Amino acid sequence: MKRTADGKVVDKSNLDMFGQPREKTGEWEGKHSDNILIFTHNKCEPRAKIAAFDMDGTLVTTKSGKVFPVDTSDWRIIYNQVVPRMKKLYGEEDYKIVIFTNQKGIQVGKVDKNAFKRKMEAIIAKLGVPAQKK
């Protein structure tokens, strides 16, 4: 959130870098007083098989090289093979993709929940497959 010159608070979390509304790619829901966040991509569909992955250290790592990200943009796909493999699992092998992660930074107030949600949606977009994130 930012303040304008006249002191009004403006929420830019739903705007892209050009100030345009972001395309909504899915829905977030909170469980257990928002201690569990679940993102379901609009194109996510039920499937008989599930491929589930931990996010940190399996699908992504930090760009900075530090153990913990310095901000919500400090991430990159960990291996070149990750994106093609995800696309094969989803497209050819008919798996539903599910990503799990535990983020203590949100609970202790070091990471903004909305910024984290944007980061997760960006990671899912980079993977190029509809996914469900828990």
C-alpha atoms as a PDB file:
ATOM      1  CA  MET A   1       0.000   0.000   0.000  1.00  0.00           C
ATOM      2  CA  LYS A   2       1.190   3.490  -0.806  1.00  0.00           C
ATOM      3  CA  ARG A   3       0.033   6.965   0.116  1.00  0.00           C
ATOM      4  CA  THR A   4      -0.754   9.669  -2.392  1.00  0.00           C
ATOM      5  CA  ALA A   5       0.427  13.252  -1.927  1.00  0.00           C
ATOM      6  CA  ASP A   6      -2.827  14.084  -0.152  1.00  0.00           C
ATOM      7  CA  GLY A   7      -2.345  11.214   2.329  1.00  0.00           C
ATOM      8  CA  LYS A   8      -4.852   8.738   0.894  1.00  0.00           C
ATOM      9  CA  VAL A   9      -3.860   5.082   1.022  1.00  0.00           C
ATOM     10  CA  VAL A  10      -3.803   3.390  -2.390  1.00  0.00           C
ATOM     11  CA  ASP A  11      -3.654  -0.396  -2.681  1.00  0.00           C
ATOM     12  CA  LYS A  12      -1.614  -1.239  -5.780  1.00  0.00           C
ATOM     13  CA  SER A  13      -1.451  -4.980  -5.089  1.00  0.00           C
ATOM     14  CA  ASN A  14      -3.899  -5.704  -7.908  1.00  0.00           C
ATOM     15  CA  LEU A  15      -2.105  -3.531 -10.471  1.00  0.00           C
ATOM     16  CA  ASP A  16       0.670  -4.568 -12.828  1.00  0.00           C
ATOM     17  CA  MET A  17       3.871  -2.585 -13.348  1.00  0.00           C
ATOM     18  CA  PHE A  18       1.999  -0.262 -15.732  1.00  0.00           C
ATOM     19  CA  GLY A  19      -0.789   0.482 -13.248  1.00  0.00           C
ATOM     20  CA  GLN A  20      -3.307  -1.695 -15.090  1.00  0.00           C
ATOM     21  CA  PRO A  21      -5.494  -4.240 -13.270  1.00  0.00           C
ATOM     22  CA  ARG A  22      -3.854  -7.665 -13.079  1.00  0.00           C
ATOM     23  CA  GLU A  23      -5.599 -10.505 -14.833  1.00  0.00           C
ATOM     24  CA  LYS A  24      -7.124 -12.740 -12.175  1.00  0.00           C
ATOM     25  CA  THR A  25      -5.694 -16.221 -12.721  1.00  0.00           C
ATOM     26  CA  GLY A  26      -7.341 -17.984  -9.806  1.00  0.00           C
ATOM     27  CA  GLU A  27      -8.881 -17.802  -6.362  1.00  0.00           C
ATOM     28  CA  TRP A  28      -7.309 -17.657  -2.910  1.00  0.00           C
ATOM     29  CA  GLU A  29      -9.041 -19.049   0.143  1.00  0.00           C
ATOM     30  CA  GLY A  30      -7.951 -19.052   3.761  1.00  0.00           C
ATOM     31  CA  LYS A  31      -8.436 -21.861   6.255  1.00  0.00           C
ATOM     32  CA  HIS A  32      -7.858 -21.933  10.010  1.00  0.00           C
ATOM     33  CA  SER A  33      -7.876 -18.150  10.521  1.00  0.00           C
ATOM     34  CA  ASP A  34      -5.862 -17.692   7.304  1.00  0.00           C
ATOM     35  CA  ASN A  35      -2.995 -19.814   8.661  1.00  0.00           C
ATOM     36  CA  ILE A  36      -3.474 -22.039   5.625  1.00  0.00           C
ATOM     37  CA  LEU A  37      -3.727 -20.295   2.255  1.00  0.00           C
ATOM     38  CA  ILE A  38      -4.917 -22.182  -0.810  1.00  0.00           C
ATOM     39  CA  PHE A  39      -4.638 -20.861  -4.361  1.00  0.00           C
ATOM     40  CA  THR A  40      -6.519 -22.668  -7.094  1.00  0.00           C
ATOM     41  CA  HIS A  41      -5.775 -21.664 -10.688  1.00  0.00           C
ATOM     42  CA  ASN A  42      -8.834 -20.976 -12.850  1.00  0.00           C
ATOM     43  CA  LYS A  43      -7.807 -23.795 -15.188  1.00  0.00           C
ATOM     44  CA  CYS A  44      -7.052 -26.300 -12.410  1.00  0.00           C
ATOM     45  CA  GLU A  45      -9.234 -29.368 -12.832  1.00  0.00           C
ATOM     46  CA  PRO A  46      -9.739 -32.648 -10.974  1.00  0.00           C
ATOM     47  CA  ARG A  47      -7.449 -35.427 -12.129  1.00  0.00           C
ATOM     48  CA  ALA A  48      -6.896 -39.013 -11.028  1.00  0.00           C
ATOM     49  CA  LYS A  49      -3.157 -38.470 -10.460  1.00  0.00           C
ATOM     50  CA  ILE A  50      -1.433 -35.780  -8.400  1.00  0.00           C
ATOM     51  CA  ALA A  51       2.179 -34.602  -8.668  1.00  0.00           C
ATOM     52  CA  ALA A  52       2.981 -32.674  -5.466  1.00  0.00           C
ATOM     53  CA  PHE A  53       6.110 -30.626  -4.824  1.00  0.00           C
ATOM     54  CA  ASP A  54       7.576 -28.528  -2.052  1.00  0.00           C
ATOM     55  CA  MET A  55       8.260 -25.041  -3.399  1.00  0.00           C
ATOM     56  CA  ASP A  56      11.518 -23.870  -1.801  1.00  0.00           C
ATOM     57  CA  GLY A  57      14.585 -25.849  -2.815  1.00  0.00           C
ATOM     58  CA  THR A  58      12.602 -28.122  -5.131  1.00  0.00           C
ATOM     59  CA  LEU A  59      10.979 -25.806  -7.678  1.00  0.00           C
ATOM     60  CA  VAL A  60      12.529 -22.436  -6.840  1.00  0.00           C
ATOM     61  CA  THR A  61      15.565 -20.992  -5.115  1.00  0.00           C
ATOM     62  CA  THR A  62      16.682 -17.456  -4.361  1.00  0.00           C
ATOM     63  CA  LYS A  63      18.236 -15.242  -7.039  1.00  0.00           C
ATOM     64  CA  SER A  64      20.385 -13.657  -4.330  1.00  0.00           C
ATOM     65  CA  GLY A  65      21.964 -16.972  -3.348  1.00  0.00           C
ATOM     66  CA  LYS A  66      20.884 -16.467   0.262  1.00  0.00           C
ATOM     67  CA  VAL A  67      19.089 -19.182   2.207  1.00  0.00           C
ATOM     68  CA  PHE A  68      15.986 -17.036   2.703  1.00  0.00           C
ATOM     69  CA  PRO A  69      14.660 -14.600   0.076  1.00  0.00           C
ATOM     70  CA  VAL A  70      15.438 -10.928   0.681  1.00  0.00           C
ATOM     71  CA  ASP A  71      12.058  -9.917  -0.817  1.00  0.00           C
ATOM     72  CA  THR A  72       9.188 -11.429  -2.791  1.00  0.00           C
ATOM     73  CA  SER A  73      10.991 -10.982  -6.119  1.00  0.00           C
ATOM     74  CA  ASP A  74      14.073 -12.891  -4.915  1.00  0.00           C
ATOM     75  CA  TRP A  75      13.317 -16.194  -6.619  1.00  0.00           C
ATOM     76  CA  ARG A  76      14.122 -18.148  -9.750  1.00  0.00           C
ATOM     77  CA  ILE A  77      13.288 -21.591 -11.079  1.00  0.00           C
ATOM     78  CA  ILE A  78      15.922 -23.841  -9.515  1.00  0.00           C
ATOM     79  CA  TYR A  79      16.741 -26.073 -12.523  1.00  0.00           C
ATOM     80  CA  ASN A  80      16.243 -25.660 -16.279  1.00  0.00           C
ATOM     81  CA  GLN A  81      14.408 -29.003 -16.359  1.00  0.00           C
ATOM     82  CA  VAL A  82      11.639 -27.923 -13.951  1.00  0.00           C
ATOM     83  CA  VAL A  83       9.371 -26.058 -16.404  1.00  0.00           C
ATOM     84  CA  PRO A  84       9.496 -28.675 -19.205  1.00  0.00           C
ATOM     85  CA  ARG A  85       8.921 -31.459 -16.674  1.00  0.00           C
ATOM     86  CA  MET A  86       5.907 -29.664 -15.175  1.00  0.00           C
ATOM     87  CA  LYS A  87       4.430 -29.170 -18.634  1.00  0.00           C
ATOM     88  CA  LYS A  88       4.952 -32.858 -19.431  1.00  0.00           C
ATOM     89  CA  LEU A  89       3.415 -33.983 -16.132  1.00  0.00           C
ATOM     90  CA  TYR A  90       0.380 -31.782 -16.693  1.00  0.00           C
ATOM     91  CA  GLY A  91      -0.028 -32.068 -20.463  1.00  0.00           C
ATOM     92  CA  GLU A  92       1.130 -35.525 -21.493  1.00  0.00           C
ATOM     93  CA  GLU A  93       0.943 -37.529 -18.274  1.00  0.00           C
ATOM     94  CA  ASP A  94      -2.352 -36.023 -17.018  1.00  0.00           C
ATOM     95  CA  TYR A  95      -1.255 -35.077 -13.486  1.00  0.00           C
ATOM     96  CA  LYS A  96      -2.774 -32.338 -11.354  1.00  0.00           C
ATOM     97  CA  ILE A  97       0.084 -30.143 -10.077  1.00  0.00           C
ATOM     98  CA  VAL A  98       0.021 -29.271  -6.357  1.00  0.00           C
ATOM     99  CA  ILE A  99       2.653 -27.122  -4.638  1.00  0.00           C
ATOM    100  CA  PHE A 100       3.156 -27.061  -0.868  1.00  0.00           C
ATOM    101  CA  THR A 101       5.189 -24.620   1.180  1.00  0.00           C
ATOM    102  CA  ASN A 102       5.522 -23.524   4.773  1.00  0.00           C
ATOM    103  CA  GLN A 103       6.237 -19.814   5.131  1.00  0.00           C
ATOM    104  CA  LYS A 104       6.987 -18.843   8.711  1.00  0.00           C
ATOM    105  CA  GLY A 105       7.796 -15.305   7.546  1.00  0.00           C
ATOM    106  CA  ILE A 106       4.087 -14.641   7.022  1.00  0.00           C
ATOM    107  CA  GLN A 107       3.160 -15.881  10.488  1.00  0.00           C
ATOM    108  CA  VAL A 108       5.806 -13.776  12.265  1.00  0.00           C
ATOM    109  CA  GLY A 109       5.070 -10.680  10.183  1.00  0.00           C
ATOM    110  CA  LYS A 110       8.296 -10.563   8.127  1.00  0.00           C
ATOM    111  CA  VAL A 111       6.486 -11.266   4.852  1.00  0.00           C
ATOM    112  CA  ASP A 112       3.322  -9.490   3.700  1.00  0.00           C
ATOM    113  CA  LYS A 113       0.582 -12.020   2.940  1.00  0.00           C
ATOM    114  CA  ASN A 114      -0.579 -10.221  -0.228  1.00  0.00           C
ATOM    115  CA  ALA A 115       2.980  -9.891  -1.529  1.00  0.00           C
ATOM    116  CA  PHE A 116       3.456 -13.616  -0.933  1.00  0.00           C
ATOM    117  CA  LYS A 117       0.267 -14.372  -2.863  1.00  0.00           C
ATOM    118  CA  ARG A 118       1.538 -12.331  -5.824  1.00  0.00           C
ATOM    119  CA  LYS A 119       4.858 -14.186  -5.650  1.00  0.00           C
ATOM    120  CA  MET A 120       3.075 -17.556  -5.740  1.00  0.00           C
ATOM    121  CA  GLU A 121       0.951 -16.542  -8.701  1.00  0.00           C
ATOM    122  CA  ALA A 122       4.112 -15.395 -10.511  1.00  0.00           C
ATOM    123  CA  ILE A 123       5.822 -18.729  -9.814  1.00  0.00           C
ATOM    124  CA  ILE A 124       2.807 -20.672 -11.071  1.00  0.00           C
ATOM    125  CA  ALA A 125       2.721 -18.480 -14.200  1.00  0.00           C
ATOM    126  CA  LYS A 126       6.433 -19.128 -14.780  1.00  0.00           C
ATOM    127  CA  LEU A 127       5.870 -22.884 -14.445  1.00  0.00           C
ATOM    128  CA  GLY A 128       3.324 -22.580 -17.248  1.00  0.00           C
ATOM    129  CA  VAL A 129       0.758 -25.019 -15.855  1.00  0.00           C
ATOM    130  CA  PRO A 130      -2.426 -24.596 -13.825  1.00  0.00           C
ATOM    131  CA  ALA A 131      -1.600 -25.549 -10.258  1.00  0.00           C
ATOM    132  CA  GLN A 132      -3.093 -25.706  -6.840  1.00  0.00           C
ATOM    133  CA  LYS A 133      -1.000 -24.121  -4.109  1.00  0.00           C
ATOM    134  CA  LYS A 134      -1.329 -25.035  -0.443  1.00  0.00           C
END
